[in-house]
C-alpha atoms as a PDB file:
ATOM      1  CA  UNK A   1     116.201 144.655  86.966  1.00  0.00           C
ATOM      2  CA  UNK A   2     114.006 142.051  87.078  1.00  0.00           C
ATOM      3  CA  UNK A   3     111.517 144.469  84.423  1.00  0.00           C
ATOM      4  CA  UNK A   4     114.852 145.345  81.969  1.00  0.00           C
ATOM      5  CA  UNK A   5     115.570 141.797  82.578  1.00  0.00           C
ATOM      6  CA  UNK A   6     111.629 140.813  81.323  1.00  0.00           C
ATOM      7  CA  UNK A   7     111.840 143.309  78.584  1.00  0.00           C
ATOM      8  CA  UNK A   8     114.535 141.780  76.981  1.00  0.00           C
ATOM      9  CA  UNK A   9     113.375 138.108  77.406  1.00  0.00           C
ATOM     10  CA  UNK A  10     109.787 139.292  76.053  1.00  0.00           C
ATOM     11  CA  UNK A  11     111.753 140.684  73.346  1.00  0.00           C
ATOM     12  CA  UNK A  12     113.520 138.054  72.007  1.00  0.00           C
ATOM     13  CA  UNK A  13     112.107 135.439  72.854  1.00  0.00           C
ATOM     14  CA  UNK A  14     108.474 135.595  72.451  1.00  0.00           C
ATOM     15  CA  UNK A  15     107.791 133.960  69.777  1.00  0.00           C
ATOM     16  CA  UNK A  16     107.508 130.115  70.741  1.00  0.00           C
ATOM     17  CA  UNK A  17     110.362 129.039  67.647  1.00  0.00           C
ATOM     18  CA  UNK A  18     112.904 130.896  69.077  1.00  0.00           C
ATOM     19  CA  UNK A  19     112.400 130.068  72.132  1.00  0.00           C
ATOM     20  CA  UNK A  20     112.710 125.878  70.529  1.00  0.00           C
ATOM     21  CA  UNK A  21     115.468 127.004  68.457  1.00  0.00           C
ATOM     22  CA  UNK A  22     117.335 128.907  71.718  1.00  0.00           C
ATOM     23  CA  UNK A  23     116.748 125.479  73.304  1.00  0.00           C
ATOM     24  CA  UNK A  24     118.141 122.985  70.654  1.00  0.00           C
ATOM     25  CA  UNK A  25     121.200 125.038  70.413  1.00  0.00           C
ATOM     26  CA  UNK A  26     122.036 124.785  74.350  1.00  0.00           C
ATOM     27  CA  UNK A  27     121.298 121.010  74.518  1.00  0.00           C
ATOM     28  CA  UNK A  28     123.120 120.280  71.736  1.00  0.00           C
ATOM     29  CA  UNK A  29     126.163 122.183  73.386  1.00  0.00           C
ATOM     30  CA  UNK A  30     125.495 120.734  76.737  1.00  0.00           C
ATOM     31  CA  UNK A  31     125.130 117.129  75.362  1.00  0.00           C
ATOM     32  CA  UNK A  32     128.786 117.743  73.472  1.00  0.00           C
ATOM     33  CA  UNK A  33     130.209 119.928  76.248  1.00  0.00           C
ATOM     34  CA  UNK A  34     129.830 117.119  79.286  1.00  0.00           C
ATOM     35  CA  UNK A  35     129.161 113.839  77.544  1.00  0.00           C
ATOM     36  CA  UNK A  36     131.404 114.509  74.494  1.00  0.00           C
ATOM     37  CA  UNK A  37     134.630 112.553  75.491  1.00  0.00           C
ATOM     38  CA  UNK A  38     132.345 109.265  75.660  1.00  0.00           C
ATOM     39  CA  UNK A  39     130.492 109.779  72.472  1.00  0.00           C
ATOM     40  CA  UNK A  40     133.407 111.004  71.244  1.00  0.00           C
ATOM     41  CA  UNK A  41     133.145 107.800  68.227  1.00  0.00           C
ATOM     42  CA  UNK A  42     129.729 108.450  67.571  1.00  0.00           C
ATOM     43  CA  UNK A  43     130.288 112.040  66.691  1.00  0.00           C
ATOM     44  CA  UNK A  44     133.531 111.439  64.468  1.00  0.00           C
ATOM     45  CA  UNK A  45     131.301 109.094  62.557  1.00  0.00           C
ATOM     46  CA  UNK A  46     128.773 111.626  62.347  1.00  0.00           C
ATOM     47  CA  UNK A  47     130.832 113.735  61.149  1.00  0.00           C
ATOM     48  CA  UNK A  48     132.635 111.945  58.607  1.00  0.00           C
ATOM     49  CA  UNK A  49     128.718 110.481  57.210  1.00  0.00           C
ATOM     50  CA  UNK A  50     127.535 114.255  57.181  1.00  0.00           C
ATOM     51  CA  UNK A  51     131.080 114.603  55.121  1.00  0.00           C
ATOM     52  CA  UNK A  52     130.443 111.614  52.402  1.00  0.00           C
ATOM     53  CA  UNK A  53     126.363 112.615  52.153  1.00  0.00           C
ATOM     54  CA  UNK A  54     127.437 114.833  49.389  1.00  0.00           C
ATOM     55  CA  UNK A  55     129.279 112.107  46.881  1.00  0.00           C
ATOM     56  CA  UNK A  56     126.329 109.505  48.256  1.00  0.00           C
ATOM     57  CA  UNK A  57     123.831 112.190  46.929  1.00  0.00           C
ATOM     58  CA  UNK A  58     125.696 113.019  43.652  1.00  0.00           C
ATOM     59  CA  UNK A  59     125.700 109.786  42.977  1.00  0.00           C
ATOM     60  CA  UNK A  60     122.142 109.099  43.618  1.00  0.00           C
ATOM     61  CA  UNK A  61     121.602 112.210  41.611  1.00  0.00           C
ATOM     62  CA  UNK A  62     123.253 110.268  38.494  1.00  0.00           C
ATOM     63  CA  UNK A  63     120.291 107.737  38.897  1.00  0.00           C
ATOM     64  CA  UNK A  64     122.734 105.088  41.336  1.00  0.00           C
ATOM     65  CA  UNK A  65     120.555 103.283  43.726  1.00  0.00           C
ATOM     66  CA  UNK A  66     120.936 104.774  47.187  1.00  0.00           C
ATOM     67  CA  UNK A  67     122.756 101.789  48.550  1.00  0.00           C
ATOM     68  CA  UNK A  68     124.984 101.451  45.480  1.00  0.00           C
ATOM     69  CA  UNK A  69     126.085 104.556  45.690  1.00  0.00           C
ATOM     70  CA  UNK A  70     126.539 104.224  49.723  1.00  0.00           C
ATOM     71  CA  UNK A  71     129.157 101.060  49.588  1.00  0.00           C
ATOM     72  CA  UNK A  72     130.930 102.738  46.508  1.00  0.00           C
ATOM     73  CA  UNK A  73     131.099 105.704  48.605  1.00  0.00           C
ATOM     74  CA  UNK A  74     132.100 104.354  52.195  1.00  0.00           C
ATOM     75  CA  UNK A  75     134.541 101.783  49.624  1.00  0.00           C
ATOM     76  CA  UNK A  76     136.426 104.773  48.951  1.00  0.00           C
ATOM     77  CA  UNK A  77     136.478 106.325  52.206  1.00  0.00           C
ATOM     78  CA  UNK A  78     138.098 103.546  53.739  1.00  0.00           C
ATOM     79  CA  UNK A  79     140.891 102.481  50.801  1.00  0.00           C
ATOM     80  CA  UNK A  80     142.202 106.492  51.079  1.00  0.00           C
ATOM     81  CA  UNK A  81     141.982 106.078  55.194  1.00  0.00           C
ATOM     82  CA  UNK A  82     143.703 103.228  54.602  1.00  0.00           C
ATOM     83  CA  UNK A  83     146.339 104.713  52.272  1.00  0.00           C
ATOM     84  CA  UNK A  84     146.832 107.408  54.560  1.00  0.00           C
ATOM     85  CA  UNK A  85     147.037 105.113  57.356  1.00  0.00           C
ATOM     86  CA  UNK A  86     149.638 102.628  55.921  1.00  0.00           C
ATOM     87  CA  UNK A  87     151.372 105.035  53.478  1.00  0.00           C
ATOM     88  CA  UNK A  88     151.769 108.074  55.324  1.00  0.00           C
ATOM     89  CA  UNK A  89     151.450 107.963  59.352  1.00  0.00           C
ATOM     90  CA  UNK A  90     154.229 105.257  59.187  1.00  0.00           C
ATOM     91  CA  UNK A  91     156.197 107.727  57.613  1.00  0.00           C
ATOM     92  CA  UNK A  92     155.231 110.504  59.514  1.00  0.00           C
ATOM     93  CA  UNK A  93     156.578 108.411  62.850  1.00  0.00           C
ATOM     94  CA  UNK A  94     160.177 107.929  60.825  1.00  0.00           C
ATOM     95  CA  UNK A  95     160.792 111.639  60.778  1.00  0.00           C
ATOM     96  CA  UNK A  96     159.476 112.377  64.106  1.00  0.00           C
ATOM     97  CA  UNK A  97     162.085 110.240  66.013  1.00  0.00           C
ATOM     98  CA  UNK A  98     164.473 111.061  63.553  1.00  0.00           C
ATOM     99  CA  UNK A  99     164.155 114.425  64.679  1.00  0.00           C
ATOM    100  CA  UNK A 100     164.604 113.985  68.113  1.00  0.00           C
ATOM    101  CA  UNK A 101     167.302 111.620  66.973  1.00  0.00           C
ATOM    102  CA  UNK A 102     168.617 114.689  65.563  1.00  0.00           C
ATOM    103  CA  UNK A 103     167.862 117.027  68.524  1.00  0.00           C
ATOM    104  CA  UNK A 104     171.051 117.229  69.998  1.00  0.00           C
ATOM    105  CA  UNK A 105     173.329 118.277  66.555  1.00  0.00           C
ATOM    106  CA  UNK A 106     170.624 120.797  66.010  1.00  0.00           C
ATOM    107  CA  UNK A 107     171.056 122.211  69.324  1.00  0.00           C
ATOM    108  CA  UNK A 108     174.325 122.251  68.932  1.00  0.00           C
ATOM    109  CA  UNK A 109     174.671 123.486  65.495  1.00  0.00           C
ATOM    110  CA  UNK A 110     172.221 126.480  67.186  1.00  0.00           C
ATOM    111  CA  UNK A 111     174.378 127.198  69.507  1.00  0.00           C
ATOM    112  CA  UNK A 112     177.352 127.110  66.876  1.00  0.00           C
ATOM    113  CA  UNK A 113     175.428 129.602  64.925  1.00  0.00           C
ATOM    114  CA  UNK A 114     174.864 131.790  68.249  1.00  0.00           C
ATOM    115  CA  UNK A 115     178.123 132.003  69.645  1.00  0.00           C
ATOM    116  CA  UNK A 116     179.425 133.229  66.554  1.00  0.00           C
ATOM    117  CA  UNK A 117     176.946 136.365  66.378  1.00  0.00           C
ATOM    118  CA  UNK A 118     179.287 138.674  68.788  1.00  0.00           C
ATOM    119  CA  UNK A 119     181.837 138.601  66.721  1.00  0.00           C
ATOM    120  CA  UNK A 120     180.222 139.715  63.609  1.00  0.00           C
ATOM    121  CA  UNK A 121     178.169 142.316  65.391  1.00  0.00           C
ATOM    122  CA  UNK A 122     179.283 143.438  68.764  1.00  0.00           C
ATOM    123  CA  UNK A 123     177.030 146.672  68.542  1.00  0.00           C
ATOM    124  CA  UNK A 124     173.787 143.818  68.671  1.00  0.00           C
ATOM    125  CA  UNK A 125     174.511 141.018  71.125  1.00  0.00           C
ATOM    126  CA  UNK A 126     177.456 140.688  73.837  1.00  0.00           C
ATOM    127  CA  UNK A 127     178.551 136.992  75.112  1.00  0.00           C
ATOM    128  CA  UNK A 128     177.336 137.147  78.174  1.00  0.00           C
ATOM    129  CA  UNK A 129     173.390 137.425  76.668  1.00  0.00           C
ATOM    130  CA  UNK A 130     173.727 134.474  74.089  1.00  0.00           C
ATOM    131  CA  UNK A 131     175.260 132.535  77.079  1.00  0.00           C
ATOM    132  CA  UNK A 132     171.888 133.120  79.188  1.00  0.00           C
ATOM    133  CA  UNK A 133     169.782 132.736  75.962  1.00  0.00           C
ATOM    134  CA  UNK A 134     172.365 128.856  74.842  1.00  0.00           C
ATOM    135  CA  UNK A 135     171.313 127.819  79.135  1.00  0.00           C
ATOM    136  CA  UNK A 136     167.649 128.349  78.573  1.00  0.00           C
ATOM    137  CA  UNK A 137     167.282 126.672  75.065  1.00  0.00           C
ATOM    138  CA  UNK A 138     169.299 123.602  77.272  1.00  0.00           C
ATOM    139  CA  UNK A 139     167.017 123.804  79.934  1.00  0.00           C
ATOM    140  CA  UNK A 140     164.256 123.151  77.518  1.00  0.00           C
ATOM    141  CA  UNK A 141     165.854 120.499  75.507  1.00  0.00           C
ATOM    142  CA  UNK A 142     166.467 118.636  78.292  1.00  0.00           C
ATOM    143  CA  UNK A 143     162.593 118.317  78.627  1.00  0.00           C
ATOM    144  CA  UNK A 144     162.448 116.409  75.184  1.00  0.00           C
ATOM    145  CA  UNK A 145     163.567 113.394  76.823  1.00  0.00           C
ATOM    146  CA  UNK A 146     160.476 113.540  80.046  1.00  0.00           C
ATOM    147  CA  UNK A 147     158.629 114.360  77.042  1.00  0.00           C
ATOM    148  CA  UNK A 148     159.104 111.234  75.253  1.00  0.00           C
ATOM    149  CA  UNK A 149     159.259 108.958  78.312  1.00  0.00           C
ATOM    150  CA  UNK A 150     155.546 110.190  79.122  1.00  0.00           C
ATOM    151  CA  UNK A 151     154.543 109.832  75.349  1.00  0.00           C
ATOM    152  CA  UNK A 152     156.021 105.915  75.952  1.00  0.00           C
ATOM    153  CA  UNK A 153     154.165 105.519  79.067  1.00  0.00           C
ATOM    154  CA  UNK A 154     150.672 107.105  77.079  1.00  0.00           C
ATOM    155  CA  UNK A 155     151.080 104.995  74.066  1.00  0.00           C
ATOM    156  CA  UNK A 156     149.446 101.958  74.698  1.00  0.00           C
ATOM    157  CA  UNK A 157     146.284 103.922  76.063  1.00  0.00           C
ATOM    158  CA  UNK A 158     146.705 105.591  72.774  1.00  0.00           C
ATOM    159  CA  UNK A 159     147.195 102.428  71.055  1.00  0.00           C
ATOM    160  CA  UNK A 160     143.806 101.084  72.340  1.00  0.00           C
ATOM    161  CA  UNK A 161     141.701 103.824  71.300  1.00  0.00           C
ATOM    162  CA  UNK A 162     143.089 104.316  67.888  1.00  0.00           C
ATOM    163  CA  UNK A 163     142.397 100.434  67.485  1.00  0.00           C
ATOM    164  CA  UNK A 164     138.777 101.499  68.693  1.00  0.00           C
ATOM    165  CA  UNK A 165     137.874 103.896  66.562  1.00  0.00           C
ATOM    166  CA  UNK A 166     139.282 102.310  63.211  1.00  0.00           C
ATOM    167  CA  UNK A 167     136.644  99.432  64.410  1.00  0.00           C
ATOM    168  CA  UNK A 168     133.801 101.251  65.424  1.00  0.00           C
ATOM    169  CA  UNK A 169     133.819 104.359  63.414  1.00  0.00           C
ATOM    170  CA  UNK A 170     134.156 102.894  60.207  1.00  0.00           C
ATOM    171  CA  UNK A 171     131.162 100.676  60.828  1.00  0.00           C
ATOM    172  CA  UNK A 172     128.828 103.862  62.515  1.00  0.00           C
ATOM    173  CA  UNK A 173     129.999 105.245  59.023  1.00  0.00           C
ATOM    174  CA  UNK A 174     127.986 102.692  57.410  1.00  0.00           C
ATOM    175  CA  UNK A 175     124.910 103.210  59.211  1.00  0.00           C
ATOM    176  CA  UNK A 176     124.949 106.755  59.247  1.00  0.00           C
ATOM    177  CA  UNK A 177     125.165 106.940  55.436  1.00  0.00           C
ATOM    178  CA  UNK A 178     122.675 103.581  55.387  1.00  0.00           C
ATOM    179  CA  UNK A 179     119.981 104.496  57.168  1.00  0.00           C
ATOM    180  CA  UNK A 180     119.826 108.389  56.922  1.00  0.00           C
ATOM    181  CA  UNK A 181     116.383 108.477  56.689  1.00  0.00           C
ATOM    182  CA  UNK A 182     115.283 106.525  59.253  1.00  0.00           C
ATOM    183  CA  UNK A 183     117.771 108.112  61.688  1.00  0.00           C
ATOM    184  CA  UNK A 184     116.758 111.558  61.370  1.00  0.00           C
ATOM    185  CA  UNK A 185     112.932 110.602  61.144  1.00  0.00           C
ATOM    186  CA  UNK A 186     113.590 108.910  64.649  1.00  0.00           C
ATOM    187  CA  UNK A 187     115.588 112.331  65.621  1.00  0.00           C
ATOM    188  CA  UNK A 188     112.739 114.122  64.447  1.00  0.00           C
ATOM    189  CA  UNK A 189     110.135 112.531  66.960  1.00  0.00           C
ATOM    190  CA  UNK A 190     111.952 113.498  69.979  1.00  0.00           C
ATOM    191  CA  UNK A 191     112.060 117.443  68.020  1.00  0.00           C
ATOM    192  CA  UNK A 192     108.698 120.197  68.830  1.00  0.00           C
ATOM    193  CA  UNK A 193     106.616 120.348  65.656  1.00  0.00           C
ATOM    194  CA  UNK A 194     107.135 124.457  65.573  1.00  0.00           C
ATOM    195  CA  UNK A 195     110.693 124.085  64.162  1.00  0.00           C
ATOM    196  CA  UNK A 196     110.175 125.951  61.271  1.00  0.00           C
ATOM    197  CA  UNK A 197     113.042 128.269  62.254  1.00  0.00           C
ATOM    198  CA  UNK A 198     115.190 126.125  63.481  1.00  0.00           C
ATOM    199  CA  UNK A 199     115.297 124.055  60.240  1.00  0.00           C
ATOM    200  CA  UNK A 200     115.512 127.444  58.325  1.00  0.00           C
ATOM    201  CA  UNK A 201     118.461 128.608  60.082  1.00  0.00           C
ATOM    202  CA  UNK A 202     119.661 124.012  59.425  1.00  0.00           C
ATOM    203  CA  UNK A 203     119.270 125.005  56.229  1.00  0.00           C
ATOM    204  CA  UNK A 204     121.739 128.120  55.660  1.00  0.00           C
ATOM    205  CA  UNK A 205     124.108 126.506  57.657  1.00  0.00           C
ATOM    206  CA  UNK A 206     123.999 123.092  56.096  1.00  0.00           C
ATOM    207  CA  UNK A 207     125.063 125.053  52.856  1.00  0.00           C
ATOM    208  CA  UNK A 208     127.915 126.864  54.428  1.00  0.00           C
ATOM    209  CA  UNK A 209     128.982 124.059  56.151  1.00  0.00           C
ATOM    210  CA  UNK A 210     128.892 121.803  52.949  1.00  0.00           C
ATOM    211  CA  UNK A 211     131.054 124.351  51.315  1.00  0.00           C
ATOM    212  CA  UNK A 212     133.546 124.823  53.614  1.00  0.00           C
ATOM    213  CA  UNK A 213     134.404 121.895  54.612  1.00  0.00           C
ATOM    214  CA  UNK A 214     134.785 120.516  51.257  1.00  0.00           C
ATOM    215  CA  UNK A 215     137.479 123.854  50.258  1.00  0.00           C
ATOM    216  CA  UNK A 216     139.030 123.069  53.034  1.00  0.00           C
ATOM    217  CA  UNK A 217     140.062 119.523  52.972  1.00  0.00           C
ATOM    218  CA  UNK A 218     141.239 120.326  48.834  1.00  0.00           C
ATOM    219  CA  UNK A 219     142.977 123.093  50.781  1.00  0.00           C
ATOM    220  CA  UNK A 220     144.799 121.174  52.639  1.00  0.00           C
ATOM    221  CA  UNK A 221     145.951 118.788  50.444  1.00  0.00           C
ATOM    222  CA  UNK A 222     146.670 121.369  47.739  1.00  0.00           C
ATOM    223  CA  UNK A 223     149.133 123.199  49.946  1.00  0.00           C
ATOM    224  CA  UNK A 224     150.791 120.132  51.497  1.00  0.00           C
ATOM    225  CA  UNK A 225     151.439 118.475  48.523  1.00  0.00           C
ATOM    226  CA  UNK A 226     152.985 121.756  47.082  1.00  0.00           C
ATOM    227  CA  UNK A 227     154.435 122.304  49.540  1.00  0.00           C
ATOM    228  CA  UNK A 228     156.433 118.440  50.367  1.00  0.00           C
ATOM    229  CA  UNK A 229     157.319 118.834  46.257  1.00  0.00           C
ATOM    230  CA  UNK A 230     159.148 122.059  47.167  1.00  0.00           C
ATOM    231  CA  UNK A 231     160.915 121.175  50.211  1.00  0.00           C
ATOM    232  CA  UNK A 232     162.208 118.202  48.248  1.00  0.00           C
ATOM    233  CA  UNK A 233     162.816 119.935  45.453  1.00  0.00           C
ATOM    234  CA  UNK A 234     165.369 121.906  47.748  1.00  0.00           C
ATOM    235  CA  UNK A 235     166.129 118.745  49.475  1.00  0.00           C
ATOM    236  CA  UNK A 236     164.787 120.072  52.934  1.00  0.00           C
ATOM    237  CA  UNK A 237     165.100 117.536  55.752  1.00  0.00           C
ATOM    238  CA  UNK A 238     162.088 116.336  57.072  1.00  0.00           C
ATOM    239  CA  UNK A 239     160.361 117.341  54.030  1.00  0.00           C
ATOM    240  CA  UNK A 240     157.017 115.160  54.479  1.00  0.00           C
ATOM    241  CA  UNK A 241     156.632 116.215  58.621  1.00  0.00           C
ATOM    242  CA  UNK A 242     157.209 119.654  57.536  1.00  0.00           C
ATOM    243  CA  UNK A 243     154.311 118.925  54.403  1.00  0.00           C
ATOM    244  CA  UNK A 244     151.869 117.679  56.727  1.00  0.00           C
ATOM    245  CA  UNK A 245     152.396 120.202  58.728  1.00  0.00           C
ATOM    246  CA  UNK A 246     151.946 123.383  56.646  1.00  0.00           C
ATOM    247  CA  UNK A 247     148.816 121.716  55.191  1.00  0.00           C
ATOM    248  CA  UNK A 248     147.521 121.082  57.992  1.00  0.00           C
ATOM    249  CA  UNK A 249     148.032 124.809  59.622  1.00  0.00           C
ATOM    250  CA  UNK A 250     145.630 126.210  56.682  1.00  0.00           C
ATOM    251  CA  UNK A 251     143.178 124.700  59.787  1.00  0.00           C
ATOM    252  CA  UNK A 252     144.216 127.732  61.656  1.00  0.00           C
ATOM    253  CA  UNK A 253     143.543 131.008  60.023  1.00  0.00           C
ATOM    254  CA  UNK A 254     146.579 133.727  60.534  1.00  0.00           C
ATOM    255  CA  UNK A 255     148.103 132.081  63.313  1.00  0.00           C
ATOM    256  CA  UNK A 256     148.812 128.667  61.296  1.00  0.00           C
ATOM    257  CA  UNK A 257     150.899 129.567  58.853  1.00  0.00           C
ATOM    258  CA  UNK A 258     152.244 132.123  60.721  1.00  0.00           C
ATOM    259  CA  UNK A 259     153.560 129.915  63.530  1.00  0.00           C
ATOM    260  CA  UNK A 260     154.552 126.885  60.961  1.00  0.00           C
ATOM    261  CA  UNK A 261     157.432 129.104  59.511  1.00  0.00           C
ATOM    262  CA  UNK A 262     159.005 128.819  62.402  1.00  0.00           C
ATOM    263  CA  UNK A 263     159.658 125.380  61.674  1.00  0.00           C
ATOM    264  CA  UNK A 264     160.224 125.412  58.568  1.00  0.00           C
ATOM    265  CA  UNK A 265     162.786 128.339  58.498  1.00  0.00           C
ATOM    266  CA  UNK A 266     164.614 126.806  60.979  1.00  0.00           C
ATOM    267  CA  UNK A 267     165.393 123.594  59.696  1.00  0.00           C
ATOM    268  CA  UNK A 268     166.306 125.302  56.397  1.00  0.00           C
ATOM    269  CA  UNK A 269     168.554 127.055  58.381  1.00  0.00           C
ATOM    270  CA  UNK A 270     170.249 124.579  60.376  1.00  0.00           C
ATOM    271  CA  UNK A 271     170.692 122.609  57.309  1.00  0.00           C
ATOM    272  CA  UNK A 272     171.592 124.918  55.039  1.00  0.00           C
ATOM    273  CA  UNK A 273     173.220 128.134  56.027  1.00  0.00           C
ATOM    274  CA  UNK A 274     172.169 132.121  55.504  1.00  0.00           C
ATOM    275  CA  UNK A 275     172.878 131.068  52.023  1.00  0.00           C
ATOM    276  CA  UNK A 276     171.136 131.428  49.043  1.00  0.00           C
ATOM    277  CA  UNK A 277     169.234 128.084  49.171  1.00  0.00           C
ATOM    278  CA  UNK A 278     167.916 129.411  52.060  1.00  0.00           C
ATOM    279  CA  UNK A 279     166.719 132.717  50.379  1.00  0.00           C
ATOM    280  CA  UNK A 280     165.123 130.724  47.528  1.00  0.00           C
ATOM    281  CA  UNK A 281     163.450 128.115  50.267  1.00  0.00           C
ATOM    282  CA  UNK A 282     161.839 130.582  51.828  1.00  0.00           C
ATOM    283  CA  UNK A 283     160.598 132.760  48.899  1.00  0.00           C
ATOM    284  CA  UNK A 284     159.005 129.993  47.799  1.00  0.00           C
ATOM    285  CA  UNK A 285     157.478 128.883  51.186  1.00  0.00           C
ATOM    286  CA  UNK A 286     156.348 132.842  50.505  1.00  0.00           C
ATOM    287  CA  UNK A 287     154.861 131.884  47.463  1.00  0.00           C
ATOM    288  CA  UNK A 288     152.504 129.387  47.991  1.00  0.00           C
ATOM    289  CA  UNK A 289     150.968 131.026  51.390  1.00  0.00           C
ATOM    290  CA  UNK A 290     150.798 133.780  48.944  1.00  0.00           C
ATOM    291  CA  UNK A 291     149.006 131.545  46.445  1.00  0.00           C
ATOM    292  CA  UNK A 292     146.736 129.594  49.079  1.00  0.00           C
ATOM    293  CA  UNK A 293     145.375 132.990  50.733  1.00  0.00           C
ATOM    294  CA  UNK A 294     144.736 134.828  46.895  1.00  0.00           C
ATOM    295  CA  UNK A 295     144.185 132.478  45.044  1.00  0.00           C
ATOM    296  CA  UNK A 296     143.267 128.854  46.005  1.00  0.00           C
ATOM    297  CA  UNK A 297     140.655 130.513  49.225  1.00  0.00           C
ATOM    298  CA  UNK A 298     138.917 133.680  47.141  1.00  0.00           C
ATOM    299  CA  UNK A 299     137.943 129.739  44.427  1.00  0.00           C
ATOM    300  CA  UNK A 300     137.188 127.751  46.829  1.00  0.00           C
ATOM    301  CA  UNK A 301     135.669 129.666  49.732  1.00  0.00           C
ATOM    302  CA  UNK A 302     134.265 131.747  47.110  1.00  0.00           C
ATOM    303  CA  UNK A 303     130.387 131.182  48.421  1.00  0.00           C
ATOM    304  CA  UNK A 304     130.694 130.586  52.536  1.00  0.00           C
ATOM    305  CA  UNK A 305     130.214 133.915  54.208  1.00  0.00           C
ATOM    306  CA  UNK A 306     133.096 136.007  54.729  1.00  0.00           C
ATOM    307  CA  UNK A 307     133.486 136.680  58.363  1.00  0.00           C
ATOM    308  CA  UNK A 308     136.106 139.288  60.439  1.00  0.00           C
ATOM    309  CA  UNK A 309     139.454 138.511  60.951  1.00  0.00           C
ATOM    310  CA  UNK A 310     138.531 139.194  65.015  1.00  0.00           C
ATOM    311  CA  UNK A 311     135.335 137.422  64.175  1.00  0.00           C
ATOM    312  CA  UNK A 312     137.618 134.232  63.019  1.00  0.00           C
ATOM    313  CA  UNK A 313     140.533 134.786  65.350  1.00  0.00           C
ATOM    314  CA  UNK A 314     137.693 134.513  68.443  1.00  0.00           C
ATOM    315  CA  UNK A 315     136.016 131.278  67.039  1.00  0.00           C
ATOM    316  CA  UNK A 316     139.517 129.467  66.318  1.00  0.00           C
ATOM    317  CA  UNK A 317     140.065 130.319  70.396  1.00  0.00           C
ATOM    318  CA  UNK A 318     136.580 129.795  71.693  1.00  0.00           C
ATOM    319  CA  UNK A 319     135.767 126.170  70.091  1.00  0.00           C
ATOM    320  CA  UNK A 320     139.369 124.898  70.030  1.00  0.00           C
ATOM    321  CA  UNK A 321     139.619 125.313  74.064  1.00  0.00           C
ATOM    322  CA  UNK A 322     136.226 123.653  73.882  1.00  0.00           C
ATOM    323  CA  UNK A 323     136.286 120.965  71.080  1.00  0.00           C
ATOM    324  CA  UNK A 324     140.029 120.294  70.224  1.00  0.00           C
ATOM    325  CA  UNK A 325     140.834 119.450  66.379  1.00  0.00           C
ATOM    326  CA  UNK A 326     137.069 119.204  65.772  1.00  0.00           C
ATOM    327  CA  UNK A 327     136.579 122.675  67.448  1.00  0.00           C
ATOM    328  CA  UNK A 328     139.557 124.160  65.539  1.00  0.00           C
ATOM    329  CA  UNK A 329     138.017 122.344  62.097  1.00  0.00           C
ATOM    330  CA  UNK A 330     134.553 124.215  61.727  1.00  0.00           C
ATOM    331  CA  UNK A 331     135.352 127.301  64.167  1.00  0.00           C
ATOM    332  CA  UNK A 332     134.655 129.120  61.178  1.00  0.00           C
ATOM    333  CA  UNK A 333     131.302 127.068  60.038  1.00  0.00           C
ATOM    334  CA  UNK A 334     130.189 127.128  63.626  1.00  0.00           C
ATOM    335  CA  UNK A 335     130.852 130.674  63.472  1.00  0.00           C
ATOM    336  CA  UNK A 336     128.367 130.990  60.778  1.00  0.00           C
ATOM    337  CA  UNK A 337     126.350 129.042  62.843  1.00  0.00           C
ATOM    338  CA  UNK A 338     125.678 131.771  65.385  1.00  0.00           C
ATOM    339  CA  UNK A 339     125.773 134.982  63.117  1.00  0.00           C
ATOM    340  CA  UNK A 340     122.519 133.100  61.710  1.00  0.00           C
ATOM    341  CA  UNK A 341     121.630 132.249  64.427  1.00  0.00           C
ATOM    342  CA  UNK A 342     122.040 136.325  65.789  1.00  0.00           C
ATOM    343  CA  UNK A 343     120.039 137.093  62.548  1.00  0.00           C
ATOM    344  CA  UNK A 344     117.377 134.625  63.152  1.00  0.00           C
ATOM    345  CA  UNK A 345     116.486 135.275  66.381  1.00  0.00           C
ATOM    346  CA  UNK A 346     116.813 139.338  65.364  1.00  0.00           C
ATOM    347  CA  UNK A 347     114.280 138.502  62.726  1.00  0.00           C
ATOM    348  CA  UNK A 348     111.801 136.939  65.422  1.00  0.00           C
ATOM    349  CA  UNK A 349     112.082 139.733  67.844  1.00  0.00           C
ATOM    350  CA  UNK A 350     108.766 141.659  69.143  1.00  0.00           C
ATOM    351  CA  UNK A 351     109.144 145.539  68.279  1.00  0.00           C
ATOM    352  CA  UNK A 352     110.012 147.442  71.624  1.00  0.00           C
ATOM    353  CA  UNK A 353     106.505 148.963  72.814  1.00  0.00           C
ATOM    354  CA  UNK A 354     106.369 152.769  72.568  1.00  0.00           C
ATOM    355  CA  UNK A 355     107.323 155.052  75.424  1.00  0.00           C
ATOM    356  CA  UNK A 356     103.594 156.049  76.351  1.00  0.00           C
ATOM    357  CA  UNK A 357     103.061 152.262  76.881  1.00  0.00           C
ATOM    358  CA  UNK A 358     106.015 151.639  78.700  1.00  0.00           C
ATOM    359  CA  UNK A 359     104.692 154.913  81.574  1.00  0.00           C
ATOM    360  CA  UNK A 360     101.802 153.278  81.881  1.00  0.00           C
END
């Protein structure tokens, strides 16, 4: 067993640069996993600074001095953030509050529709089966009050955390953009000189991550706005809330679109019944989803690596389970990083010794 492990290690990590690459990745993973909660404001600011760097670089490419480019991009970032905080988040809060207020009426509506099923379809469902289902639904709805109470108890802590983020993150983003070169030079002092392989992997993944994240932000905005306009056109309740959910659902490929269909269909069913309006609403919704998958995604992500759907779902589950929202958001770039690392390590493998040498 020891000989097999020694042969495997020698074949895969005989190159010092491969060891350096593996060590850097392991150290980065452990830092984020073990003390990620403590460093979260810094990590979030680093992510935003990375996303904004392309705009700063674009302005620099047009001859704008870096400090002016940084200030311009930073002011735009703050303005957009304030617009979202002031304009969208309060409206979302109002619709969430209205949704919880309407839950009892919605439950009664659902119960009445369910109780009418045995008369329409006696061969498919019985009254006794429906009573069991309604009892289970009632037990689930009774827990909503407990959830709201626990949420209100934690609200003060959440407000304090949000205020800290609103002050620290923009400040850190500005300094990350302004002092990018000096920060990178300081970090490079602690990285071994033999890091050509690591830099090659980073350069390959950097392009993929930049294209993916920028494309994903555009996709969220377009799908969210298109869904909101469609919901407003049909007069659907909670249009803003559902539009935001549909937009954010593109973060989780395959799974997100399936899950968000449930609340859209449920709200439409309760509001419109089983008439033509519900049918047209769902057709419009599925057309938006189809255009997203067949037109928008190929346009936005034509330059990114194509991963197998199984690999994408596995990456979403794994990185989302470790790092929550940011793990889900960066699941595909992180999967791309894993693939790039595996390919780079594969190129540095030492060829197996011939059979005659192994037997010596």
